C-alpha atoms as a PDB file:
ATOM      1  CA  MET A   1     133.959  78.086 130.595  1.00  0.00           C
ATOM      2  CA  LEU A   2     132.148  81.879 128.789  1.00  0.00           C
ATOM      3  CA  ILE A   3     136.007  83.472 129.640  1.00  0.00           C
ATOM      4  CA  PHE A   4     136.001  84.769 125.926  1.00  0.00           C
ATOM      5  CA  GLY A   5     132.377  85.266 125.906  1.00  0.00           C
ATOM      6  CA  THR A   6     129.544  87.835 127.453  1.00  0.00           C
ATOM      7  CA  GLY A   7     126.786  84.572 128.710  1.00  0.00           C
ATOM      8  CA  LEU A   8     124.618  81.916 127.819  1.00  0.00           C
ATOM      9  CA  HIS A   9     123.337  81.824 123.973  1.00  0.00           C
ATOM     10  CA  ALA A  10     122.280  79.382 121.665  1.00  0.00           C
ATOM     11  CA  ALA A  11     124.817  77.713 118.923  1.00  0.00           C
ATOM     12  CA  PRO A  12     125.657  80.011 116.558  1.00  0.00           C
ATOM     13  CA  SER A  13     124.413  79.196 113.109  1.00  0.00           C
ATOM     14  CA  SER A  14     127.298  76.850 110.812  1.00  0.00           C
ATOM     15  CA  THR A  15     129.787  78.948 108.258  1.00  0.00           C
ATOM     16  CA  ASP A  16     131.855  76.568 106.506  1.00  0.00           C
ATOM     17  CA  LEU A  17     135.317  76.192 107.080  1.00  0.00           C
ATOM     18  CA  SER A  18     137.696  76.980 104.847  1.00  0.00           C
ATOM     19  CA  VAL A  19     141.326  76.189 103.993  1.00  0.00           C
ATOM     20  CA  PHE A  20     142.460  78.540 105.795  1.00  0.00           C
ATOM     21  CA  ASP A  21     140.917  78.021 108.949  1.00  0.00           C
ATOM     22  CA  PHE A  22     142.147  74.174 109.186  1.00  0.00           C
ATOM     23  CA  TRP A  23     145.148  74.983 109.238  1.00  0.00           C
ATOM     24  CA  VAL A  24     144.474  78.019 112.218  1.00  0.00           C
ATOM     25  CA  LEU A  25     142.644  75.204 113.682  1.00  0.00           C
ATOM     26  CA  GLY A  26     145.090  72.465 113.776  1.00  0.00           C
ATOM     27  CA  LEU A  27     148.252  75.070 114.909  1.00  0.00           C
ATOM     28  CA  GLY A  28     146.255  75.393 117.948  1.00  0.00           C
ATOM     29  CA  ALA A  29     145.457  71.779 118.564  1.00  0.00           C
ATOM     30  CA  ALA A  30     149.473  71.329 117.960  1.00  0.00           C
ATOM     31  CA  ALA A  31     150.622  74.315 120.126  1.00  0.00           C
ATOM     32  CA  GLY A  32     147.682  73.372 123.030  1.00  0.00           C
ATOM     33  CA  SER A  33     148.348  69.975 123.178  1.00  0.00           C
ATOM     34  CA  LEU A  34     152.986  70.022 123.058  1.00  0.00           C
ATOM     35  CA  VAL A  35     151.822  72.622 126.249  1.00  0.00           C
ATOM     36  CA  PHE A  36     149.814  69.858 127.822  1.00  0.00           C
ATOM     37  CA  GLY A  37     151.532  66.869 127.640  1.00  0.00           C
ATOM     38  CA  ILE A  38     154.391  69.007 129.054  1.00  0.00           C
ATOM     39  CA  SER A  39     153.016  70.748 131.859  1.00  0.00           C
ATOM     40  CA  GLY A  40     149.570  68.658 132.682  1.00  0.00           C
ATOM     41  CA  PHE A  41     146.951  71.687 132.095  1.00  0.00           C
ATOM     42  CA  ALA A  42     147.261  74.893 129.591  1.00  0.00           C
ATOM     43  CA  PHE A  43     145.185  72.977 126.664  1.00  0.00           C
ATOM     44  CA  GLY A  44     142.271  75.418 126.446  1.00  0.00           C
ATOM     45  CA  LEU A  45     144.590  78.725 127.310  1.00  0.00           C
ATOM     46  CA  THR A  46     147.300  77.914 125.086  1.00  0.00           C
ATOM     47  CA  ALA A  47     145.191  76.716 122.024  1.00  0.00           C
ATOM     48  CA  SER A  48     141.641  78.801 122.364  1.00  0.00           C
ATOM     49  CA  VAL A  49     144.272  82.268 121.942  1.00  0.00           C
ATOM     50  CA  ILE A  50     144.900  80.926 118.288  1.00  0.00           C
ATOM     51  CA  TRP A  51     140.966  78.925 117.073  1.00  0.00           C
ATOM     52  CA  LEU A  52     139.765  82.680 118.327  1.00  0.00           C
ATOM     53  CA  GLN A  53     140.987  84.004 115.103  1.00  0.00           C
ATOM     54  CA  VAL A  54     138.413  81.748 113.279  1.00  0.00           C
ATOM     55  CA  LEU A  55     136.043  80.724 115.468  1.00  0.00           C
ATOM     56  CA  SER A  56     132.996  82.056 117.739  1.00  0.00           C
ATOM     57  CA  PRO A  57     133.430  81.987 121.363  1.00  0.00           C
ATOM     58  CA  LEU A  58     130.895  79.048 121.794  1.00  0.00           C
ATOM     59  CA  GLN A  59     132.918  76.981 118.666  1.00  0.00           C
ATOM     60  CA  VAL A  60     135.772  76.866 121.073  1.00  0.00           C
ATOM     61  CA  VAL A  61     133.960  75.945 123.632  1.00  0.00           C
ATOM     62  CA  PRO A  62     133.396  72.342 123.163  1.00  0.00           C
ATOM     63  CA  LEU A  63     136.635  72.142 121.520  1.00  0.00           C
ATOM     64  CA  VAL A  64     138.365  73.772 124.868  1.00  0.00           C
ATOM     65  CA  VAL A  65     136.661  70.819 126.836  1.00  0.00           C
ATOM     66  CA  ILE A  66     136.552  67.765 124.684  1.00  0.00           C
ATOM     67  CA  CYS A  67     140.299  68.193 123.671  1.00  0.00           C
ATOM     68  CA  PRO A  68     141.524  67.822 126.304  1.00  0.00           C
ATOM     69  CA  LEU A  69     138.905  64.920 128.108  1.00  0.00           C
ATOM     70  CA  VAL A  70     140.267  62.689 125.101  1.00  0.00           C
ATOM     71  CA  MET A  71     143.939  63.656 125.690  1.00  0.00           C
ATOM     72  CA  ASN A  72     143.444  62.673 129.503  1.00  0.00           C
ATOM     73  CA  LEU A  73     142.170  59.740 128.665  1.00  0.00           C
ATOM     74  CA  VAL A  74     144.935  58.911 126.255  1.00  0.00           C
ATOM     75  CA  THR A  75     147.374  59.464 128.849  1.00  0.00           C
ATOM     76  CA  LEU A  76     146.252  59.444 132.531  1.00  0.00           C
ATOM     77  CA  PRO A  77     147.443  55.540 132.330  1.00  0.00           C
ATOM     78  CA  ARG A  78     151.089  56.791 131.770  1.00  0.00           C
ATOM     79  CA  ILE A  79     151.258  58.481 135.097  1.00  0.00           C
ATOM     80  CA  ARG A  80     148.319  56.499 137.076  1.00  0.00           C
ATOM     81  CA  ARG A  81     151.051  55.818 139.823  1.00  0.00           C
ATOM     82  CA  ASP A  82     151.652  59.494 139.982  1.00  0.00           C
ATOM     83  CA  ILE A  83     147.989  59.950 141.458  1.00  0.00           C
ATOM     84  CA  ASN A  84     147.151  60.787 144.572  1.00  0.00           C
ATOM     85  CA  LEU A  85     143.490  60.429 145.792  1.00  0.00           C
ATOM     86  CA  THR A  86     144.239  61.648 148.880  1.00  0.00           C
ATOM     87  CA  ARG A  87     146.268  64.976 147.972  1.00  0.00           C
ATOM     88  CA  LEU A  88     143.349  64.892 145.053  1.00  0.00           C
ATOM     89  CA  TRP A  89     139.883  64.917 146.875  1.00  0.00           C
ATOM     90  CA  PRO A  90     140.435  68.043 149.078  1.00  0.00           C
ATOM     91  CA  PHE A  91     140.351  70.155 145.633  1.00  0.00           C
ATOM     92  CA  ALA A  92     138.392  68.244 143.749  1.00  0.00           C
ATOM     93  CA  LEU A  93     135.693  68.543 146.279  1.00  0.00           C
ATOM     94  CA  GLY A  94     135.722  72.277 146.285  1.00  0.00           C
ATOM     95  CA  SER A  95     135.334  72.242 142.983  1.00  0.00           C
ATOM     96  CA  THR A  96     132.313  70.689 143.273  1.00  0.00           C
ATOM     97  CA  LEU A  97     131.199  73.515 144.647  1.00  0.00           C
ATOM     98  CA  GLY A  98     133.899  75.677 142.793  1.00  0.00           C
ATOM     99  CA  VAL A  99     131.736  74.761 138.908  1.00  0.00           C
ATOM    100  CA  PRO A 100     128.373  75.099 139.602  1.00  0.00           C
ATOM    101  CA  LEU A 101     129.194  78.474 140.841  1.00  0.00           C
ATOM    102  CA  GLY A 102     130.857  79.626 138.322  1.00  0.00           C
ATOM    103  CA  VAL A 103     128.641  78.276 135.541  1.00  0.00           C
ATOM    104  CA  SER A 104     125.547  80.521 137.592  1.00  0.00           C
ATOM    105  CA  LEU A 105     127.839  84.208 137.673  1.00  0.00           C
ATOM    106  CA  LEU A 106     128.243  84.001 133.774  1.00  0.00           C
ATOM    107  CA  GLY A 107     125.340  85.892 132.999  1.00  0.00           C
ATOM    108  CA  ALA A 108     126.505  88.844 135.673  1.00  0.00           C
ATOM    109  CA  ILE A 109     130.484  88.888 134.957  1.00  0.00           C
ATOM    110  CA  ASN A 110     132.108  90.854 132.513  1.00  0.00           C
ATOM    111  CA  ALA A 111     134.328  89.139 130.187  1.00  0.00           C
ATOM    112  CA  ASN A 112     136.671  91.828 129.276  1.00  0.00           C
ATOM    113  CA  GLU A 113     137.359  92.926 133.148  1.00  0.00           C
ATOM    114  CA  LEU A 114     137.461  88.855 133.728  1.00  0.00           C
ATOM    115  CA  ARG A 115     139.931  88.083 130.900  1.00  0.00           C
ATOM    116  CA  ALA A 116     142.208  91.343 131.978  1.00  0.00           C
ATOM    117  CA  ALA A 117     142.296  90.454 136.133  1.00  0.00           C
ATOM    118  CA  ILE A 118     143.203  87.257 135.753  1.00  0.00           C
ATOM    119  CA  GLY A 119     145.741  88.148 133.099  1.00  0.00           C
ATOM    120  CA  VAL A 120     147.047  90.536 135.483  1.00  0.00           C
ATOM    121  CA  LEU A 121     147.754  87.691 137.972  1.00  0.00           C
ATOM    122  CA  LEU A 122     149.387  85.331 135.887  1.00  0.00           C
ATOM    123  CA  VAL A 123     151.710  87.698 134.627  1.00  0.00           C
ATOM    124  CA  GLY A 124     152.334  89.145 138.360  1.00  0.00           C
ATOM    125  CA  TYR A 125     153.073  85.855 139.754  1.00  0.00           C
ATOM    126  CA  SER A 126     154.816  84.469 136.687  1.00  0.00           C
ATOM    127  CA  GLY A 127     156.950  86.949 136.881  1.00  0.00           C
ATOM    128  CA  TYR A 128     157.862  86.949 139.885  1.00  0.00           C
ATOM    129  CA  ALA A 129     158.414  83.367 140.473  1.00  0.00           C
ATOM    130  CA  LEU A 130     161.312  83.928 136.857  1.00  0.00           C
ATOM    131  CA  MET A 131     162.950  86.689 140.095  1.00  0.00           C
ATOM    132  CA  THR A 132     163.013  84.389 142.595  1.00  0.00           C
ATOM    133  CA  PRO A 133     165.428  81.515 142.897  1.00  0.00           C
ATOM    134  CA  ARG A 134     162.994  79.030 144.240  1.00  0.00           C
ATOM    135  CA  LEU A 135     159.362  79.049 145.269  1.00  0.00           C
ATOM    136  CA  PRO A 136     158.481  79.701 148.453  1.00  0.00           C
ATOM    137  CA  LEU A 137     157.023  76.352 150.525  1.00  0.00           C
ATOM    138  CA  VAL A 138     154.061  76.330 152.196  1.00  0.00           C
ATOM    139  CA  LEU A 139     154.160  73.423 154.614  1.00  0.00           C
ATOM    140  CA  LEU A 140     151.105  73.374 156.649  1.00  0.00           C
ATOM    141  CA  PRO A 141     149.861  70.640 158.848  1.00  0.00           C
ATOM    142  CA  ALA A 142     147.334  67.860 156.972  1.00  0.00           C
ATOM    143  CA  GLY A 143     143.841  69.072 158.778  1.00  0.00           C
ATOM    144  CA  PRO A 144     145.018  72.501 157.385  1.00  0.00           C
ATOM    145  CA  GLY A 145     146.116  71.421 154.443  1.00  0.00           C
ATOM    146  CA  ARG A 146     142.863  69.836 153.188  1.00  0.00           C
ATOM    147  CA  VAL A 147     141.043  72.697 154.447  1.00  0.00           C
ATOM    148  CA  ALA A 148     143.399  74.897 152.347  1.00  0.00           C
ATOM    149  CA  ASP A 149     143.688  72.950 149.123  1.00  0.00           C
ATOM    150  CA  THR A 150     139.889  72.647 149.183  1.00  0.00           C
ATOM    151  CA  GLY A 151     139.749  76.472 149.445  1.00  0.00           C
ATOM    152  CA  VAL A 152     142.137  76.504 146.265  1.00  0.00           C
ATOM    153  CA  GLY A 153     140.095  73.833 144.538  1.00  0.00           C
ATOM    154  CA  LEU A 154     136.972  75.629 145.019  1.00  0.00           C
ATOM    155  CA  LEU A 155     138.627  78.692 143.421  1.00  0.00           C
ATOM    156  CA  GLY A 156     139.917  76.957 140.563  1.00  0.00           C
ATOM    157  CA  GLY A 157     136.724  75.452 140.388  1.00  0.00           C
ATOM    158  CA  LEU A 158     134.765  78.848 139.886  1.00  0.00           C
ATOM    159  CA  LEU A 159     137.431  79.916 137.544  1.00  0.00           C
ATOM    160  CA  GLY A 160     136.053  77.192 135.799  1.00  0.00           C
ATOM    161  CA  GLY A 161     133.106  77.336 135.612  1.00  0.00           C
ATOM    162  CA  VAL A 162     133.804  80.725 133.735  1.00  0.00           C
ATOM    163  CA  SER A 163     136.394  80.511 132.176  1.00  0.00           C
ATOM    164  CA  GLY A 164     138.077  76.759 131.916  1.00  0.00           C
ATOM    165  CA  LEU A 165     140.839  77.886 133.669  1.00  0.00           C
ATOM    166  CA  SER A 166     140.290  75.942 136.827  1.00  0.00           C
ATOM    167  CA  VAL A 167     143.998  74.028 136.995  1.00  0.00           C
ATOM    168  CA  VAL A 168     146.289  77.938 137.090  1.00  0.00           C
ATOM    169  CA  LEU A 169     145.235  78.933 140.201  1.00  0.00           C
ATOM    170  CA  PRO A 170     145.760  75.005 142.201  1.00  0.00           C
ATOM    171  CA  SER A 171     148.946  74.528 139.535  1.00  0.00           C
ATOM    172  CA  VAL A 172     150.861  77.872 141.463  1.00  0.00           C
ATOM    173  CA  TRP A 173     149.821  76.718 144.749  1.00  0.00           C
ATOM    174  CA  ILE A 174     150.738  72.852 144.451  1.00  0.00           C
ATOM    175  CA  ALA A 175     153.706  73.685 143.036  1.00  0.00           C
ATOM    176  CA  MET A 176     154.158  75.529 146.707  1.00  0.00           C
ATOM    177  CA  ARG A 177     152.971  72.741 148.524  1.00  0.00           C
ATOM    178  CA  GLY A 178     155.926  71.088 146.741  1.00  0.00           C
ATOM    179  CA  GLY A 179     156.353  67.382 146.124  1.00  0.00           C
ATOM    180  CA  SER A 180     158.119  65.763 143.306  1.00  0.00           C
ATOM    181  CA  LYS A 181     157.622  66.560 139.407  1.00  0.00           C
ATOM    182  CA  ALA A 182     155.460  63.507 138.607  1.00  0.00           C
ATOM    183  CA  GLU A 183     153.316  63.704 141.780  1.00  0.00           C
ATOM    184  CA  GLN A 184     152.965  67.827 141.155  1.00  0.00           C
ATOM    185  CA  ARG A 185     151.724  66.825 137.238  1.00  0.00           C
ATOM    186  CA  GLY A 186     149.400  63.558 138.297  1.00  0.00           C
ATOM    187  CA  LEU A 187     147.983  66.318 140.521  1.00  0.00           C
ATOM    188  CA  LEU A 188     147.808  68.804 138.048  1.00  0.00           C
ATOM    189  CA  GLN A 189     145.893  66.539 135.437  1.00  0.00           C
ATOM    190  CA  SER A 190     143.777  64.294 137.087  1.00  0.00           C
ATOM    191  CA  PHE A 191     142.386  67.523 138.656  1.00  0.00           C
ATOM    192  CA  GLY A 192     142.365  69.338 135.692  1.00  0.00           C
ATOM    193  CA  LEU A 193     139.751  65.446 134.459  1.00  0.00           C
ATOM    194  CA  TYR A 194     137.506  66.038 136.880  1.00  0.00           C
ATOM    195  CA  CYS A 195     136.856  70.060 136.956  1.00  0.00           C
ATOM    196  CA  HIS A 196     136.217  69.516 132.370  1.00  0.00           C
ATOM    197  CA  LEU A 197     133.942  66.793 133.242  1.00  0.00           C
ATOM    198  CA  LEU A 198     132.024  68.802 135.781  1.00  0.00           C
ATOM    199  CA  THR A 199     132.118  71.670 133.476  1.00  0.00           C
ATOM    200  CA  LEU A 200     131.085  69.360 130.011  1.00  0.00           C
ATOM    201  CA  GLY A 201     127.792  68.314 132.606  1.00  0.00           C
ATOM    202  CA  ALA A 202     127.507  71.523 134.084  1.00  0.00           C
ATOM    203  CA  PHE A 203     127.208  72.984 129.796  1.00  0.00           C
ATOM    204  CA  ALA A 204     125.607  69.423 128.292  1.00  0.00           C
ATOM    205  CA  THR A 205     122.117  71.320 128.191  1.00  0.00           C
ATOM    206  CA  LEU A 206     123.187  74.534 126.686  1.00  0.00           C
ATOM    207  CA  ILE A 207     126.043  74.269 124.566  1.00  0.00           C
ATOM    208  CA  GLY A 208     124.970  73.609 120.926  1.00  0.00           C
ATOM    209  CA  MET A 209     127.306  72.309 118.337  1.00  0.00           C
ATOM    210  CA  GLY A 210     126.802  73.200 114.756  1.00  0.00           C
ATOM    211  CA  ALA A 211     128.317  70.514 111.762  1.00  0.00           C
ATOM    212  CA  GLU A 212     131.562  72.871 111.305  1.00  0.00           C
ATOM    213  CA  THR A 213     132.715  72.072 114.935  1.00  0.00           C
ATOM    214  CA  PHE A 214     132.161  68.126 114.431  1.00  0.00           C
ATOM    215  CA  LYS A 215     134.368  68.835 111.099  1.00  0.00           C
ATOM    216  CA  ALA A 216     137.087  70.800 113.833  1.00  0.00           C
ATOM    217  CA  LEU A 217     136.839  68.124 116.587  1.00  0.00           C
ATOM    218  CA  ALA A 218     137.743  65.534 113.977  1.00  0.00           C
ATOM    219  CA  LEU A 219     140.711  67.529 112.719  1.00  0.00           C
ATOM    220  CA  CYS A 220     142.199  68.390 116.451  1.00  0.00           C
ATOM    221  CA  VAL A 221     141.608  65.711 118.416  1.00  0.00           C
ATOM    222  CA  PRO A 222     144.174  63.205 116.346  1.00  0.00           C
ATOM    223  CA  ILE A 223     146.402  65.867 116.358  1.00  0.00           C
ATOM    224  CA  SER A 224     145.601  67.053 120.602  1.00  0.00           C
ATOM    225  CA  VAL A 225     146.502  63.218 120.954  1.00  0.00           C
ATOM    226  CA  THR A 226     149.835  62.993 118.948  1.00  0.00           C
ATOM    227  CA  GLY A 227     151.084  66.335 119.931  1.00  0.00           C
ATOM    228  CA  SER A 228     150.337  65.768 123.804  1.00  0.00           C
ATOM    229  CA  LEU A 229     151.926  61.981 123.206  1.00  0.00           C
ATOM    230  CA  VAL A 230     154.854  64.313 122.211  1.00  0.00           C
ATOM    231  CA  GLY A 231     154.580  66.786 125.188  1.00  0.00           C
ATOM    232  CA  MET A 232     155.009  64.037 127.207  1.00  0.00           C
ATOM    233  CA  ARG A 233     158.242  62.572 126.301  1.00  0.00           C
ATOM    234  CA  ILE A 234     159.595  66.031 126.731  1.00  0.00           C
ATOM    235  CA  PHE A 235     157.994  66.043 130.330  1.00  0.00           C
ATOM    236  CA  ALA A 236     160.125  63.056 131.287  1.00  0.00           C
ATOM    237  CA  ARG A 237     163.646  64.876 130.044  1.00  0.00           C
ATOM    238  CA  LEU A 238     162.483  67.660 131.728  1.00  0.00           C
ATOM    239  CA  SER A 239     164.833  67.820 135.449  1.00  0.00           C
ATOM    240  CA  PRO A 240     162.634  68.992 138.557  1.00  0.00           C
ATOM    241  CA  GLY A 241     164.057  72.587 138.485  1.00  0.00           C
ATOM    242  CA  GLY A 242     163.081  72.628 134.396  1.00  0.00           C
ATOM    243  CA  PHE A 243     159.245  71.687 134.907  1.00  0.00           C
ATOM    244  CA  GLN A 244     158.515  74.425 137.117  1.00  0.00           C
ATOM    245  CA  ARG A 245     160.305  76.868 134.641  1.00  0.00           C
ATOM    246  CA  ALA A 246     158.091  75.408 132.081  1.00  0.00           C
ATOM    247  CA  ILE A 247     155.143  75.503 134.285  1.00  0.00           C
ATOM    248  CA  ILE A 248     156.330  79.169 135.239  1.00  0.00           C
ATOM    249  CA  TRP A 249     156.717  80.418 131.170  1.00  0.00           C
ATOM    250  CA  ILE A 250     153.216  78.803 130.235  1.00  0.00           C
ATOM    251  CA  ILE A 251     151.384  80.739 132.716  1.00  0.00           C
ATOM    252  CA  LEU A 252     153.445  84.060 131.711  1.00  0.00           C
ATOM    253  CA  ALA A 253     152.229  83.507 128.082  1.00  0.00           C
ATOM    254  CA  GLY A 254     149.014  82.220 128.480  1.00  0.00           C
ATOM    255  CA  GLY A 255     148.586  85.605 131.147  1.00  0.00           C
ATOM    256  CA  ILE A 256     149.838  87.836 128.131  1.00  0.00           C
ATOM    257  CA  GLY A 257     147.302  86.641 125.736  1.00  0.00           C
ATOM    258  CA  LEU A 258     144.362  86.905 128.009  1.00  0.00           C
ATOM    259  CA  LEU A 259     145.598  90.603 128.345  1.00  0.00           C
ATOM    260  CA  ALA A 260     145.947  91.166 124.645  1.00  0.00           C
ATOM    261  CA  ARG A 261     142.180  89.299 124.318  1.00  0.00           C
ATOM    262  CA  ALA A 262     141.415  91.985 126.892  1.00  0.00           C
ATOM    263  CA  ALA A 263     142.747  95.136 125.232  1.00  0.00           C
ATOM    264  CA  ARG A 264     140.973  94.422 121.640  1.00  0.00           C
END
């Protein structure tokens, strides 16, 4: 989860959050939750770019984990009919292996290099997708398809363990595998919830939270829930093509944000 850090350390010492800090926290929560409501993922990718202006990386981690968990619990019942467990389990199996592996690699990974590599990947893919009238459709038999889905889930879990970006690569693959926007949204969001639970479990004994983090959660969680519900109303109005374009623009913005952060 520590794409913005360089390893595992004790929680930072508490510092008082100013009025300006709370405004920035609220803005990050609102932006991230709106994107989450529309797409079913990318809360952390959006919110953390803003939050890191006032919080340290280790203070951002619990916010990026807990806020999406709460939003999932609130919004998943609304899309429960769109969750296909048959399609979900290969991704979940892969991420079960990938998340612990990613966590174990934290100390050996250069955060800036990882940010830059993921940023280049996201910008390159989204640029290609925006210039292409339609994404290529990958049609595979059931057996090979499940194997490929498991591999993508493993890569997603690996990235989730080291960066919190567990759904980014699967979002690209799921779009190429086809399905309605509701089916894709249900798969993305349920996979994201599972990966966040795995990541939270992996970090439960390693991440500390100071008093300022609890204050931030008290502000960000209600804003996040409200923003996600607004985003879901926008999602309901999007055409399938509009949903795909929204996903691509979200990925592009996230990639640019990561590259900008890596260049600092």
